[in-house]
Structure formats: structure tokens, C-alpha cells
Amino acid sequence: MTMLFNDSVMLAPSPDLAAAEQRTRRVLIVGIGLSVALALPSLVALSLDDRLINGISVWSKPLKFQASLAMMLLTLILLLPLIEARTRAGLGVFLASLMAAITANGEVFYITLQAARGRASHFNDSTPFEAMAYSVMGAGAALLVLSSLVIGVYILLRPRPDAPSGLLLGAGWGLVLGSIATLITAFALGSGEIDGPGHWVGGIKTDVGGLPLFGWSRTGGDLRVPHFFATHIMQALPILGLGLDRFTPRLARPGIALGALISIAVVVGTFVQAVQGRPFL
């Protein structure tokens, strides 16, 4: 951890900051490319393969994760320029980005593999291999979120001097708060301590008839709801910061503070709603 935040450890032996930064960006671009490459055959399979898991196509989950994790890596690429140049070219930012790309694609690859086999990827300990793979995937997901947390801390502690304050605060706190909230909701979701294994709480334990596009249960609570809002704090606060910089830059700091409070309130509110076994809509 000390090395991660020590910007004296440079990625390149010479102070070629542009080349070192480009290596970091390339890692994230390759990560996005791999997720997109898996999404294309998954889309084709969705229209040809009639196998189901929990009442919906086996390819629904891979497509959601391929899109979601590609968006997460894209978010990191777009926010990296907010870090001061020397730190941005350092080993810490490179390692965090590399960890994000490896863990995101490892998770996507296993979920896609299980869909091709017609097997569940989550809450599946039917065989020793699947039990081990689910545990490894959980550890990888935690490392992925921690990578985003590290990038957020870099943005807050080592900002680019001329970065607009709204975007800077929105990006830094969006990644930090989003990462922490995602870890908490993911633990609640994956532990099986709330109404047993699975994302349902009460209601009919099936994905059939779920909320359009999202698939969230409409008969009971669904722990995927607070997890969704927690994860997307990472995009919501930077977008809010962009808007504040554009229209009311003097209110950037209180605006981001208010946005952060509302974001956490939404996560807490939807979590309580789900635990009580009530559908989001």
C-alpha cells in the first residue's frame, strides 16, 4: 500500500511521463476491448440459445456484466487525467489499473464460460470447481473495487493543479464512496446471510417477470438494487461535478457534498427496502 501511494516509484526509469501514462491507459483499453469482444458472441448466442437459468436466458447475466465492467474500466480511463502528471505516470496508478483490468476480465470470462456451459456462475457450489471459482470470483471482485478506491484516493490527494473543482471532487469522492458502498452491498448480497443464498428477499424466487431491463424482482426484495446504486455512484458524482462546473462553479463543493449525501441515502434506503422484502417498483 505504501508503494501504491509513493509517486517516487516511477513506471519508466527515465522521466518519460507520457510513455508511462500511455502504458497505463493501454492496460485499461485492452481490458475494455476484451469485455466488448466477449459481448459480441454473447449477443448472438442470446438470440440462438434457448437455455434458461432462473427462468431467463443463460446469456442475460454475461451481457450485463460485460457492459457494466467495461463501463467501470472506461470510467477509470476518463478520470485518470485528473491526477497530477508525475503520479499518474507512477507505478501505483499502473498497478491499480492493471489489477482492475485483470479482475474485471477474469470475472467476465468465468460468467461467460458458465453461461456457455448452461451453469450458474453465482451462488453455485454444486461441484468443487464451481465452489472454488465462486470464491475466487468474489475475491477478484473485491480487488476490482479496491482498485477504483485507490484511483479515487489518488485523485483527492494528488490532483492535477488546474483540474476543475466540481469534476475533481465528484470523481474522487464518487470513486471512494462508490467503492466502499459497493463492497458493503456486495458482501450483503454474496454472503447469503439475508434470506439465504441469492439476491431475492421474500417474494417468488425467480427472475421471470422482473423489472424490464434490470430484472429486479417485482414480488419481493432484491439486493441487486442497492448494489446497482452503490456501484453507479462512481459515474453519478463525476457527472454532477461536470454539471456544477459548467453552470454553477461557485457551488461545486456544497453541490458535491449534497450529491454524495443523496447518493448514500438512496443506497441505504433501497437496502432497507430490499431487506424488508419489498420490491423497488
Protein backbone atom coordinates (compact mmCIF):
# COMPACT_ATOMS: atom_id res chain seq x y z
CA MET A 1 0.00 0.00 0.00
CA THR A 2 2.89 2.35 0.76
CA MET A 3 4.27 1.71 -2.71
CA LEU A 4 0.87 2.45 -4.26
CA PHE A 5 0.87 5.99 -2.87
CA ASN A 6 4.59 6.65 -3.31
CA ASP A 7 4.91 8.66 -6.51
CA SER A 8 8.70 8.44 -6.36
CA VAL A 9 8.32 4.89 -7.74
CA MET A 10 8.10 5.56 -11.45
CA LEU A 11 6.90 3.15 -14.11
CA ALA A 12 9.61 4.24 -16.53
CA PRO A 13 13.29 4.55 -15.47
CA SER A 14 13.53 7.91 -17.20
CA PRO A 15 11.02 10.67 -16.60
CA ASP A 16 9.13 9.90 -19.80
CA LEU A 17 5.79 10.63 -18.24
CA ALA A 18 3.77 10.45 -21.44
CA ALA A 19 5.06 6.95 -22.28
CA ALA A 20 4.43 5.67 -18.76
CA GLU A 21 0.93 7.12 -18.72
CA GLN A 22 0.25 5.57 -22.10
CA ARG A 23 1.12 2.11 -20.73
CA THR A 24 -1.48 2.54 -18.01
CA ARG A 25 -4.12 3.67 -20.49
CA ARG A 26 -3.28 0.75 -22.79
CA VAL A 27 -3.92 -1.75 -19.97
CA LEU A 28 -7.40 -0.32 -19.39
CA ILE A 29 -8.16 -0.14 -23.12
CA VAL A 30 -7.22 -3.81 -23.54
CA GLY A 31 -9.46 -4.64 -20.59
CA ILE A 32 -12.42 -2.84 -22.18
CA GLY A 33 -11.69 -4.50 -25.52
CA LEU A 34 -11.77 -7.99 -24.01
CA SER A 35 -15.15 -7.38 -22.37
CA VAL A 36 -16.58 -5.99 -25.61
CA ALA A 37 -15.12 -8.92 -27.57
CA LEU A 38 -16.97 -11.36 -25.28
CA ALA A 39 -20.19 -9.34 -25.57
CA LEU A 40 -20.46 -9.78 -29.34
CA PRO A 41 -20.77 -13.62 -29.36
CA SER A 42 -22.94 -13.39 -26.23
CA LEU A 43 -25.40 -11.18 -28.13
CA VAL A 44 -25.54 -13.70 -30.97
CA ALA A 45 -25.98 -16.57 -28.51
CA LEU A 46 -28.83 -14.69 -26.78
CA SER A 47 -30.90 -14.94 -29.97
CA LEU A 48 -29.97 -18.55 -30.78
CA ASP A 49 -29.68 -20.33 -27.42
CA ASP A 50 -32.96 -21.14 -25.62
CA ARG A 51 -31.45 -22.49 -22.38
CA LEU A 52 -32.61 -20.79 -19.18
CA ILE A 53 -31.29 -20.15 -15.65
CA ASN A 54 -33.81 -18.91 -13.07
CA GLY A 55 -36.32 -18.62 -15.90
CA ILE A 56 -34.32 -16.23 -18.14
CA SER A 57 -31.72 -16.73 -20.88
CA VAL A 58 -28.35 -18.05 -19.73
CA TRP A 59 -26.80 -15.14 -21.68
CA SER A 60 -28.58 -12.32 -19.82
CA LYS A 61 -26.11 -12.24 -16.94
CA PRO A 62 -22.93 -12.28 -19.06
CA LEU A 63 -24.21 -9.38 -21.15
CA LYS A 64 -25.00 -7.32 -18.04
CA PHE A 65 -21.56 -7.92 -16.55
CA GLN A 66 -19.73 -7.34 -19.84
CA ALA A 67 -21.44 -3.94 -20.21
CA SER A 68 -21.11 -2.99 -16.54
CA LEU A 69 -17.43 -3.86 -16.15
CA ALA A 70 -16.47 -2.26 -19.47
CA MET A 71 -18.19 0.91 -18.20
CA MET A 72 -16.25 0.71 -14.93
CA LEU A 73 -12.89 0.48 -16.74
CA LEU A 74 -13.94 3.30 -19.09
CA THR A 75 -14.75 5.44 -16.04
CA LEU A 76 -11.22 4.93 -14.72
CA ILE A 77 -9.65 5.89 -18.07
CA LEU A 78 -11.72 9.07 -18.28
CA LEU A 79 -10.88 10.12 -14.69
CA LEU A 80 -7.13 9.37 -14.73
CA PRO A 81 -6.25 12.79 -16.25
CA LEU A 82 -7.46 14.40 -13.01
CA ILE A 83 -4.37 13.02 -11.24
CA GLU A 84 -1.18 15.09 -11.21
CA ALA A 85 1.07 14.11 -14.14
CA ARG A 86 4.02 12.56 -12.26
CA THR A 87 1.75 10.49 -10.01
CA ARG A 88 -0.40 9.49 -12.98
CA ALA A 89 2.68 8.05 -14.65
CA GLY A 90 3.78 6.24 -11.49
CA LEU A 91 3.79 2.58 -10.60
CA GLY A 92 0.89 2.88 -8.13
CA VAL A 93 -1.64 4.07 -10.70
CA PHE A 94 -0.35 1.47 -13.18
CA LEU A 95 -0.74 -1.40 -10.68
CA ALA A 96 -4.24 -0.29 -9.67
CA SER A 97 -5.28 -0.07 -13.33
CA LEU A 98 -3.70 -3.45 -14.12
CA MET A 99 -5.49 -5.06 -11.17
CA ALA A 100 -8.80 -3.55 -12.31
CA ALA A 101 -8.36 -4.86 -15.87
CA ILE A 102 -7.31 -8.37 -14.78
CA THR A 103 -10.02 -8.87 -12.16
CA ALA A 104 -12.81 -7.36 -14.31
CA ASN A 105 -11.99 -9.63 -17.22
CA GLY A 106 -11.44 -12.68 -15.01
CA GLU A 107 -14.96 -12.20 -13.63
CA VAL A 108 -16.47 -11.63 -17.07
CA PHE A 109 -14.65 -14.65 -18.52
CA TYR A 110 -15.92 -17.04 -15.80
CA ILE A 111 -19.51 -15.76 -16.04
CA THR A 112 -19.43 -16.16 -19.83
CA LEU A 113 -17.89 -19.64 -19.54
CA GLN A 114 -20.61 -20.76 -17.14
CA ALA A 115 -23.30 -19.40 -19.47
CA ALA A 116 -21.81 -21.41 -22.34
CA ARG A 117 -21.94 -24.49 -20.11
CA GLY A 118 -25.53 -23.72 -19.10
CA ARG A 119 -24.45 -23.43 -15.47
CA ALA A 120 -24.99 -20.70 -12.86
CA SER A 121 -21.93 -18.60 -12.03
CA HIS A 122 -23.19 -17.10 -8.76
CA PHE A 123 -24.28 -18.98 -5.62
CA ASN A 124 -23.26 -22.22 -7.30
CA ASP A 125 -21.23 -24.64 -5.19
CA SER A 126 -22.58 -27.77 -6.88
CA THR A 127 -19.08 -29.05 -7.69
CA PRO A 128 -15.70 -28.42 -6.03
CA PHE A 129 -14.59 -26.46 -9.12
CA GLU A 130 -17.65 -24.19 -9.10
CA ALA A 131 -17.40 -23.62 -5.35
CA MET A 132 -13.73 -22.66 -5.68
CA ALA A 133 -14.39 -20.50 -8.77
CA TYR A 134 -17.21 -18.60 -6.99
CA SER A 135 -14.90 -17.88 -4.05
CA VAL A 136 -12.10 -16.73 -6.37
CA MET A 137 -14.55 -14.55 -8.29
CA GLY A 138 -15.66 -12.92 -5.02
CA ALA A 139 -12.07 -12.15 -4.06
CA GLY A 140 -11.41 -10.77 -7.54
CA ALA A 141 -14.49 -8.53 -7.37
CA ALA A 142 -13.24 -7.11 -4.06
CA LEU A 143 -9.82 -6.36 -5.60
CA LEU A 144 -11.53 -4.72 -8.58
CA VAL A 145 -13.45 -2.35 -6.32
CA LEU A 146 -10.36 -1.64 -4.21
CA SER A 147 -8.54 -0.64 -7.41
CA SER A 148 -11.19 2.01 -8.03
CA LEU A 149 -10.87 3.13 -4.42
CA VAL A 150 -7.10 3.61 -4.90
CA ILE A 151 -7.65 5.70 -8.05
CA GLY A 152 -10.20 7.82 -6.15
CA VAL A 153 -7.74 8.45 -3.31
CA TYR A 154 -5.08 9.46 -5.84
CA ILE A 155 -7.49 11.98 -7.40
CA LEU A 156 -8.25 13.52 -4.00
CA LEU A 157 -4.69 13.54 -2.63
CA ARG A 158 -2.63 14.15 -5.80
CA PRO A 159 -4.93 16.24 -8.04
CA ARG A 160 -3.90 17.93 -11.25
CA PRO A 161 -3.41 21.59 -10.27
CA ASP A 162 -5.71 23.03 -12.92
CA ALA A 163 -8.48 20.43 -12.65
CA PRO A 164 -11.99 21.94 -12.29
CA SER A 165 -13.09 21.57 -8.68
CA GLY A 166 -16.54 20.12 -9.34
CA LEU A 167 -15.28 17.30 -11.55
CA LEU A 168 -12.28 16.71 -9.29
CA LEU A 169 -14.37 16.35 -6.12
CA GLY A 170 -17.10 14.40 -7.92
CA ALA A 171 -14.60 11.95 -9.40
CA GLY A 172 -12.56 11.46 -6.22
CA TRP A 173 -15.47 11.09 -3.85
CA GLY A 174 -17.52 9.20 -6.42
CA LEU A 175 -14.86 6.50 -6.67
CA VAL A 176 -14.18 6.42 -2.92
CA LEU A 177 -17.81 6.38 -1.73
CA GLY A 178 -18.95 4.21 -4.62
CA SER A 179 -16.23 1.65 -3.88
CA ILE A 180 -17.00 1.50 -0.15
CA ALA A 181 -20.78 1.24 -0.73
CA THR A 182 -20.23 -1.39 -3.43
CA LEU A 183 -18.07 -3.51 -1.11
CA ILE A 184 -20.69 -3.37 1.67
CA THR A 185 -23.66 -4.20 -0.58
CA ALA A 186 -21.70 -6.90 -2.40
CA PHE A 187 -20.86 -8.56 0.91
CA ALA A 188 -24.54 -8.48 1.94
CA LEU A 189 -25.51 -9.84 -1.47
CA GLY A 190 -22.92 -12.60 -1.66
CA SER A 191 -22.88 -13.80 1.94
CA GLY A 192 -26.31 -15.42 1.81
CA GLU A 193 -26.99 -14.17 5.34
CA ILE A 194 -30.16 -12.33 4.26
CA ASP A 195 -32.92 -14.84 3.41
CA GLY A 196 -30.43 -17.46 2.20
CA PRO A 197 -28.25 -17.67 -0.93
CA GLY A 198 -29.38 -15.48 -3.83
CA HIS A 199 -30.38 -11.89 -4.37
CA TRP A 200 -34.07 -12.38 -3.52
CA VAL A 201 -35.59 -11.47 -0.15
CA GLY A 202 -39.08 -12.91 0.11
CA GLY A 203 -41.35 -12.97 -2.93
CA ILE A 204 -41.11 -15.54 -5.72
CA LYS A 205 -37.51 -16.65 -6.18
CA THR A 206 -37.29 -16.34 -9.95
CA ASP A 207 -36.01 -13.77 -12.45
CA VAL A 208 -39.12 -14.25 -14.60
CA GLY A 209 -41.28 -11.11 -14.66
CA GLY A 210 -38.55 -8.88 -13.23
CA LEU A 211 -38.33 -5.12 -13.79
CA PRO A 212 -37.67 -4.50 -17.50
CA LEU A 213 -34.00 -4.07 -18.43
CA PHE A 214 -32.79 -4.59 -14.84
CA GLY A 215 -34.57 -7.84 -13.99
CA TRP A 216 -35.13 -6.85 -10.36
CA SER A 217 -37.83 -8.76 -8.51
CA ARG A 218 -41.34 -7.28 -8.58
CA THR A 219 -42.73 -9.66 -5.98
CA GLY A 220 -40.23 -9.18 -3.14
CA GLY A 221 -36.98 -7.52 -2.10
CA ASP A 222 -33.93 -7.66 -4.36
CA LEU A 223 -30.41 -6.98 -3.03
CA ARG A 224 -29.19 -6.13 -6.53
CA VAL A 225 -31.00 -2.77 -6.27
CA PRO A 226 -28.78 -1.11 -3.59
CA HIS A 227 -25.72 -2.78 -5.18
CA PHE A 228 -26.60 -1.13 -8.51
CA PHE A 229 -27.00 2.33 -6.99
CA ALA A 230 -23.81 1.89 -4.93
CA THR A 231 -21.73 0.98 -7.98
CA HIS A 232 -23.01 3.83 -10.10
CA ILE A 233 -22.11 6.49 -7.57
CA MET A 234 -18.77 6.20 -9.40
CA GLN A 235 -20.38 7.73 -12.50
CA ALA A 236 -23.13 9.86 -10.93
CA LEU A 237 -20.92 12.18 -8.84
CA PRO A 238 -18.42 12.93 -11.66
CA ILE A 239 -21.34 13.77 -13.96
CA LEU A 240 -22.79 16.01 -11.25
CA GLY A 241 -19.38 17.67 -10.90
CA LEU A 242 -19.25 18.35 -14.65
CA GLY A 243 -22.66 20.00 -14.48
CA LEU A 244 -21.72 22.14 -11.49
CA ASP A 245 -18.50 23.31 -13.19
CA ARG A 246 -20.49 24.24 -16.26
CA PHE A 247 -23.44 26.03 -14.70
CA THR A 248 -22.70 26.99 -11.06
CA PRO A 249 -18.96 26.59 -10.37
CA ARG A 250 -19.20 28.55 -7.08
CA LEU A 251 -21.49 25.84 -5.72
CA ALA A 252 -19.25 22.95 -6.74
CA ARG A 253 -18.15 21.97 -3.24
CA PRO A 254 -21.57 22.12 -1.48
CA GLY A 255 -23.19 20.60 -4.57
CA ILE A 256 -20.91 17.55 -4.49
CA ALA A 257 -21.41 17.23 -0.73
CA LEU A 258 -25.20 17.25 -1.19
CA GLY A 259 -24.95 14.82 -4.11
CA ALA A 260 -22.84 12.45 -2.01
CA LEU A 261 -25.36 12.54 0.85
CA ILE A 262 -28.28 11.87 -1.51
CA SER A 263 -26.36 9.01 -3.17
CA ILE A 264 -25.65 7.30 0.14
CA ALA A 265 -29.26 7.87 1.24
CA VAL A 266 -30.52 6.15 -1.91
CA VAL A 267 -28.24 3.15 -1.29
CA VAL A 268 -29.29 2.89 2.37
CA GLY A 269 -32.98 3.38 1.53
CA THR A 270 -33.06 0.74 -1.21
CA PHE A 271 -31.06 -1.64 1.00
CA VAL A 272 -33.59 -1.30 3.85
CA GLN A 273 -36.42 -1.72 1.34
CA ALA A 274 -34.86 -4.90 -0.05
CA VAL A 275 -34.15 -6.39 3.39
CA GLN A 276 -37.80 -5.81 4.29
CA GLY A 277 -38.78 -7.94 1.28
CA ARG A 278 -40.39 -5.07 -0.63
CA PRO A 279 -39.85 -4.63 -4.39
CA PHE A 280 -38.14 -1.47 -5.69
CA LEU A 281 -41.11 -0.78 -8.04
